[in-house]
Protein backbone atom coordinates (compact mmCIF):
# COMPACT_ATOMS: atom_id res chain seq x y z
CA MET A 1 -6.85 -13.00 -11.77
CA THR A 2 -9.14 -14.79 -9.91
CA GLU A 3 -12.50 -12.43 -9.24
CA GLU A 4 -14.80 -12.78 -5.86
CA THR A 5 -17.77 -10.75 -4.46
CA ALA A 6 -18.31 -10.80 -0.65
CA ALA A 7 -21.84 -8.65 -0.12
CA ASP A 8 -21.05 -9.79 3.95
CA PHE A 9 -18.83 -10.40 6.42
CA GLN A 10 -19.76 -13.93 6.31
CA GLU A 11 -18.80 -13.57 2.74
CA PHE A 12 -15.50 -12.30 3.16
CA LEU A 13 -14.24 -15.08 5.54
CA ALA A 14 -15.09 -17.81 3.50
CA ILE A 15 -13.10 -15.72 0.96
CA LEU A 16 -9.84 -15.39 2.92
CA ARG A 17 -9.91 -19.22 3.72
CA LYS A 18 -9.48 -19.70 0.05
CA VAL A 19 -6.35 -17.28 -0.14
CA PRO A 20 -4.59 -17.79 2.38
CA SER A 21 -0.50 -16.78 2.92
CA SER A 22 -1.42 -13.21 1.18
CA MET A 23 -0.46 -9.86 1.39
CA PHE A 24 -3.75 -7.69 0.92
CA ARG A 25 -4.22 -4.24 -0.66
CA GLY A 26 -7.28 -2.28 0.17
CA GLN A 27 -8.69 0.18 -2.26
CA GLU A 28 -12.13 2.46 -2.34
CA ARG A 29 -12.58 1.67 -6.07
CA PRO A 30 -11.03 -0.01 -8.65
CA PHE A 31 -7.95 1.39 -10.36
CA PRO A 32 -5.09 0.06 -11.46
CA LEU A 33 -2.45 -1.10 -9.15
CA ARG A 34 -0.12 1.84 -9.80
CA PRO A 35 2.36 2.97 -7.14
CA SER A 36 1.83 6.98 -6.43
CA VAL A 37 4.76 8.09 -8.28
CA GLY A 38 4.00 6.68 -11.16
CA ARG A 39 0.08 8.57 -11.65
CA GLU A 40 2.47 11.63 -11.96
CA LEU A 41 3.24 10.61 -15.13
CA ARG A 42 2.14 13.23 -17.63
CA PRO A 43 4.03 15.59 -20.06
CA ARG A 44 5.05 18.82 -18.49
CA PRO A 45 5.84 21.49 -21.11
CA ARG A 46 8.89 22.54 -19.20
CA ASP A 47 9.69 18.90 -20.02
CA THR A 48 13.08 18.23 -22.30
CA THR A 49 13.25 14.29 -22.36
CA SER A 50 10.53 11.71 -22.36
CA PRO A 51 7.58 11.86 -19.62
CA GLU A 52 9.50 8.93 -18.19
CA VAL A 53 12.46 10.47 -17.66
CA ALA A 54 11.75 12.98 -16.54
CA LEU A 55 9.17 11.64 -13.90
CA LEU A 56 12.18 9.72 -12.84
CA ARG A 57 14.07 12.88 -12.15
CA ARG A 58 11.14 14.70 -10.43
CA GLU A 59 11.33 11.26 -7.99
CA LYS A 60 14.84 11.33 -7.61
CA SER A 61 15.17 15.17 -6.55
CA ALA A 62 11.71 14.83 -4.05
CA ILE A 63 13.23 11.82 -1.85
CA GLU A 64 16.51 13.44 -1.97
CA GLU A 65 14.55 16.60 -0.41
CA PHE A 66 12.74 14.07 1.67
CA ARG A 67 15.93 13.04 3.11
CA ARG A 68 17.31 16.15 3.96
CA GLU A 69 14.25 17.89 5.80
CA ALA A 70 13.43 14.83 7.44
CA ARG A 71 16.19 14.54 9.52
CA ALA A 72 14.73 17.12 12.13
CA TYR A 73 12.50 14.29 13.19
CA VAL A 74 14.38 10.67 12.51
CA THR A 75 15.90 9.99 15.36
CA SER A 76 18.58 6.56 13.85
CA GLU A 77 19.74 6.45 10.42
CA GLN A 78 18.13 5.42 7.38
CA THR A 79 18.85 3.08 4.84
CA GLU A 80 18.37 4.06 1.43
CA ILE A 81 15.06 1.63 0.63
CA GLU A 82 14.12 2.61 4.57
CA TRP A 83 13.81 5.92 3.36
CA LEU A 84 11.56 5.15 1.01
CA ALA A 85 9.51 3.74 2.59
CA LEU A 86 9.04 6.44 5.31
CA ALA A 87 8.39 8.56 2.69
CA GLN A 88 6.01 6.40 1.07
CA HIS A 89 3.72 6.27 4.62
CA HIS A 90 4.37 10.27 5.24
CA GLY A 91 2.62 10.98 1.47
CA VAL A 92 5.30 11.15 -0.78
CA PRO A 93 4.73 10.00 -4.33
CA THR A 94 7.14 7.16 -4.48
CA ARG A 95 7.00 3.24 -6.77
CA LEU A 96 6.67 1.69 -3.86
CA LEU A 97 2.69 0.00 -2.82
CA ASP A 98 1.29 -0.16 0.22
CA TRP A 99 -0.28 -3.86 0.93
CA THR A 100 -0.45 -5.19 4.21
CA TRP A 101 -0.31 -9.30 6.56
CA ASN A 102 -3.73 -7.85 8.05
CA PRO A 103 -6.69 -8.54 5.38
CA LEU A 104 -9.13 -6.42 8.19
CA SER A 105 -6.52 -3.53 8.29
CA ALA A 106 -7.06 -3.68 4.29
CA LEU A 107 -11.28 -4.55 4.41
CA TYR A 108 -10.99 -0.79 6.61
CA PHE A 109 -9.09 1.21 3.42
CA ALA A 110 -11.46 0.03 0.91
CA VAL A 111 -14.39 1.24 2.64
CA ASP A 112 -13.13 3.88 5.30
CA PRO A 113 -15.46 7.14 4.92
CA ALA A 114 -13.41 9.18 4.96
CA ARG A 115 -12.12 7.61 1.00
CA ASP A 116 -15.65 7.00 -0.25
CA ASP A 117 -16.00 9.83 -2.34
CA ALA A 118 -16.80 7.88 -5.48
CA GLY A 119 -20.06 5.67 -4.88
CA GLU A 120 -18.34 2.69 -6.52
CA ASP A 121 -17.61 -1.31 -5.35
CA ALA A 122 -14.85 -0.71 -3.61
CA VAL A 123 -12.23 -4.13 -3.48
CA LEU A 124 -9.39 -5.66 -1.81
CA TYR A 125 -6.33 -7.23 -3.58
CA ALA A 126 -5.19 -10.44 -2.20
CA ILE A 127 -1.64 -12.31 -3.52
CA GLY A 128 0.29 -15.08 -2.30
CA THR A 129 3.11 -14.89 -0.52
CA GLY A 130 4.97 -17.47 -2.89
CA THR A 131 4.12 -15.88 -5.86
CA VAL A 132 6.06 -12.66 -6.39
CA ARG A 133 9.60 -12.17 -5.17
CA TRP A 134 11.05 -11.17 -2.93
CA TRP A 135 13.26 -8.22 -1.44
CA GLU A 136 16.19 -8.68 1.44
CA GLU A 137 17.83 -6.16 3.06
CA ARG A 138 21.00 -8.21 4.36
CA GLY A 139 23.32 -8.14 1.16
CA ALA A 140 21.25 -11.00 -0.52
CA ASN A 141 18.14 -11.38 -3.15
CA TRP A 142 15.51 -13.90 -2.89
CA ASP A 143 14.26 -14.76 -6.60
CA HIS A 144 11.48 -16.52 -7.60
CA THR A 145 12.61 -20.02 -7.40
CA ASN A 146 13.78 -19.00 -3.59
CA GLN A 147 17.73 -19.16 -4.54
CA LEU A 148 19.61 -17.23 -3.11
CA ARG A 149 21.70 -14.50 -4.69
CA GLU A 150 23.84 -12.15 -3.45
CA SER A 151 22.09 -8.49 -4.67
CA PRO A 152 23.76 -4.71 -4.37
CA PRO A 153 22.73 -1.88 -2.12
CA PHE A 154 18.67 -1.05 -3.13
CA ASN A 155 19.15 2.11 -5.29
CA PRO A 156 15.93 2.85 -7.25
CA GLY A 157 16.79 2.64 -10.87
CA SER A 158 17.67 -0.32 -10.71
CA LEU A 159 14.95 -2.95 -10.30
CA ASP A 160 14.56 -5.27 -12.24
CA HIS A 161 11.19 -6.43 -11.13
CA VAL A 162 8.18 -6.10 -9.04
CA ARG A 163 9.16 -6.55 -5.69
CA ALA A 164 7.84 -7.07 -1.82
CA TYR A 165 9.51 -6.07 0.92
CA THR A 166 8.81 -5.75 3.92
CA PRO A 167 10.55 -2.76 5.82
CA PRO A 168 11.60 -2.33 9.02
CA LYS A 169 8.59 -0.89 11.88
CA PHE A 170 10.83 2.22 12.27
CA SER A 171 7.66 4.13 12.64
CA PRO A 172 4.34 3.16 14.66
CA ARG A 173 1.90 3.36 11.60
CA LEU A 174 4.26 0.91 9.58
CA LEU A 175 3.58 -1.48 12.78
CA ALA A 176 -0.32 -0.72 13.34
CA GLN A 177 -0.38 -1.51 9.80
CA ALA A 178 1.78 -4.47 9.48
CA ALA A 179 2.84 -2.69 6.60
CA VAL A 180 4.54 -4.77 3.69
CA LEU A 181 5.69 -2.93 -0.19
CA THR A 182 5.80 -4.14 -3.85
CA MET A 183 8.94 -2.49 -5.78
CA HIS A 184 8.16 -1.18 -8.83
CA ALA A 185 11.22 -1.19 -11.06
CA LEU A 186 8.04 1.05 -14.01
CA PRO A 187 5.91 2.73 -11.73
CA TRP A 188 3.65 4.02 -14.18
CA GLN A 189 2.43 0.03 -15.46
CA ALA A 190 0.40 -1.09 -12.89
CA LEU A 191 0.34 -4.74 -11.74
CA GLU A 192 -0.91 -7.35 -13.12
CA ASP A 193 -0.73 -11.18 -12.79
CA GLU A 194 -2.98 -13.84 -13.23
CA ARG A 195 -2.57 -15.78 -9.52
CA MET A 196 -3.96 -12.03 -7.67
CA THR A 197 -7.22 -12.65 -5.87
CA ARG A 198 -9.58 -9.31 -6.24
CA ILE A 199 -12.52 -9.27 -3.78
CA THR A 200 -15.42 -6.77 -4.40
CA ILE A 201 -17.63 -4.82 -1.91
CA PRO A 202 -20.64 -3.76 -3.24
CA LYS A 203 -21.25 -0.37 -2.11
CA MET A 204 -24.55 -0.82 -0.61
CA ALA A 205 -22.57 -3.54 1.43
CA LYS A 206 -19.88 -0.88 3.05
CA ASN A 207 -21.73 0.36 5.91
CA GLY A 208 -21.75 -3.23 6.92
CA PHE A 209 -18.29 -3.91 6.73
CA ARG A 210 -17.52 -0.94 8.52
CA GLU A 211 -19.70 -1.12 11.54
CA ILE A 212 -18.18 -4.85 11.95
CA LEU A 213 -14.53 -3.34 11.82
CA PHE A 214 -15.51 -0.67 14.43
CA SER A 215 -16.67 -3.24 16.93
CA PHE A 216 -12.97 -5.10 15.95
CA HIS A 217 -11.11 -1.74 16.92
CA ALA A 218 -9.87 -1.63 12.83
CA MET A 219 -10.18 2.39 13.19
CA PRO A 220 -7.88 5.29 12.27
CA LYS A 221 -6.81 5.07 15.83
CA THR A 222 -5.42 1.95 15.81
CA LEU A 223 -3.54 2.43 12.05
CA PHE A 224 -3.13 5.62 12.62
CA PRO A 225 -1.95 5.53 15.88
CA ASP A 226 -1.28 8.87 16.60
CA LEU A 227 -3.09 12.52 17.40
CA ASP A 228 -4.67 12.06 13.82
CA GLY A 229 -5.67 8.72 14.13
CA LEU A 230 -7.27 9.68 17.67
CA GLY A 231 -9.58 12.85 16.19
CA ALA A 232 -10.18 10.42 12.87
CA THR A 233 -11.49 8.24 14.54
CA ILE A 234 -13.88 10.45 17.46
CA ARG A 235 -14.63 12.38 14.31
CA GLN A 236 -16.20 8.90 12.28
CA TRP A 237 -18.30 8.17 15.14
CA TRP A 238 -19.49 10.44 16.53
CA PHE A 239 -20.40 12.93 13.32
CA ARG A 240 -20.05 10.91 10.73
CA ARG A 241 -21.98 7.65 12.03
CA ASP A 242 -24.97 8.90 10.82
CA LEU A 243 -23.89 9.13 6.89
CA TRP A 244 -23.32 5.26 6.93
């Protein structure tokens, strides 16, 4: 993995020029690139199988429950993978990991004051689009050699590799955040790839980045285009900005 450090916005832009055609992920601290459901892997007293098998069963049950209950809020029918993406963006632990095409969006999530409770350096990960395997939903799959091959309908348990997926923008949040996702066959395993770039944002530099992001309108109300996002923007600007 290539390591970079951006102490100010000019250095950040200079690094971006070296990682073109990439997707990005911002984190408030450098924890492993592990999907949210994989972070739930731990033994439970009532489990009669291995923690991994028990976790996969809970994952399946959680998604099925989300599908049943969410129909009251969803006006169109979704495919299996679209349900998974929708659940992910509404807080259900899944085997998906959030990325974005927009480096400013990733930068916001890295330095978001509402998430910065650790006081650590923030990080962005960048990975070239040509170095990942892609999932195409319309009955076909692209492998790492860019050869098109037929594939069965999406089944979370049938993944053989980490694959990237650009979901249809059926949710305003997916559209606003320029969302792209990775799907993980073994969600408890952290994604590691020597071709990735990790950009460290020193904790002392976060406030400067926040000011610049707000000037570019990279803020909650644009990334979460609803009343919650609007309220978070007003709270950060009028009541929390002095803490920057």
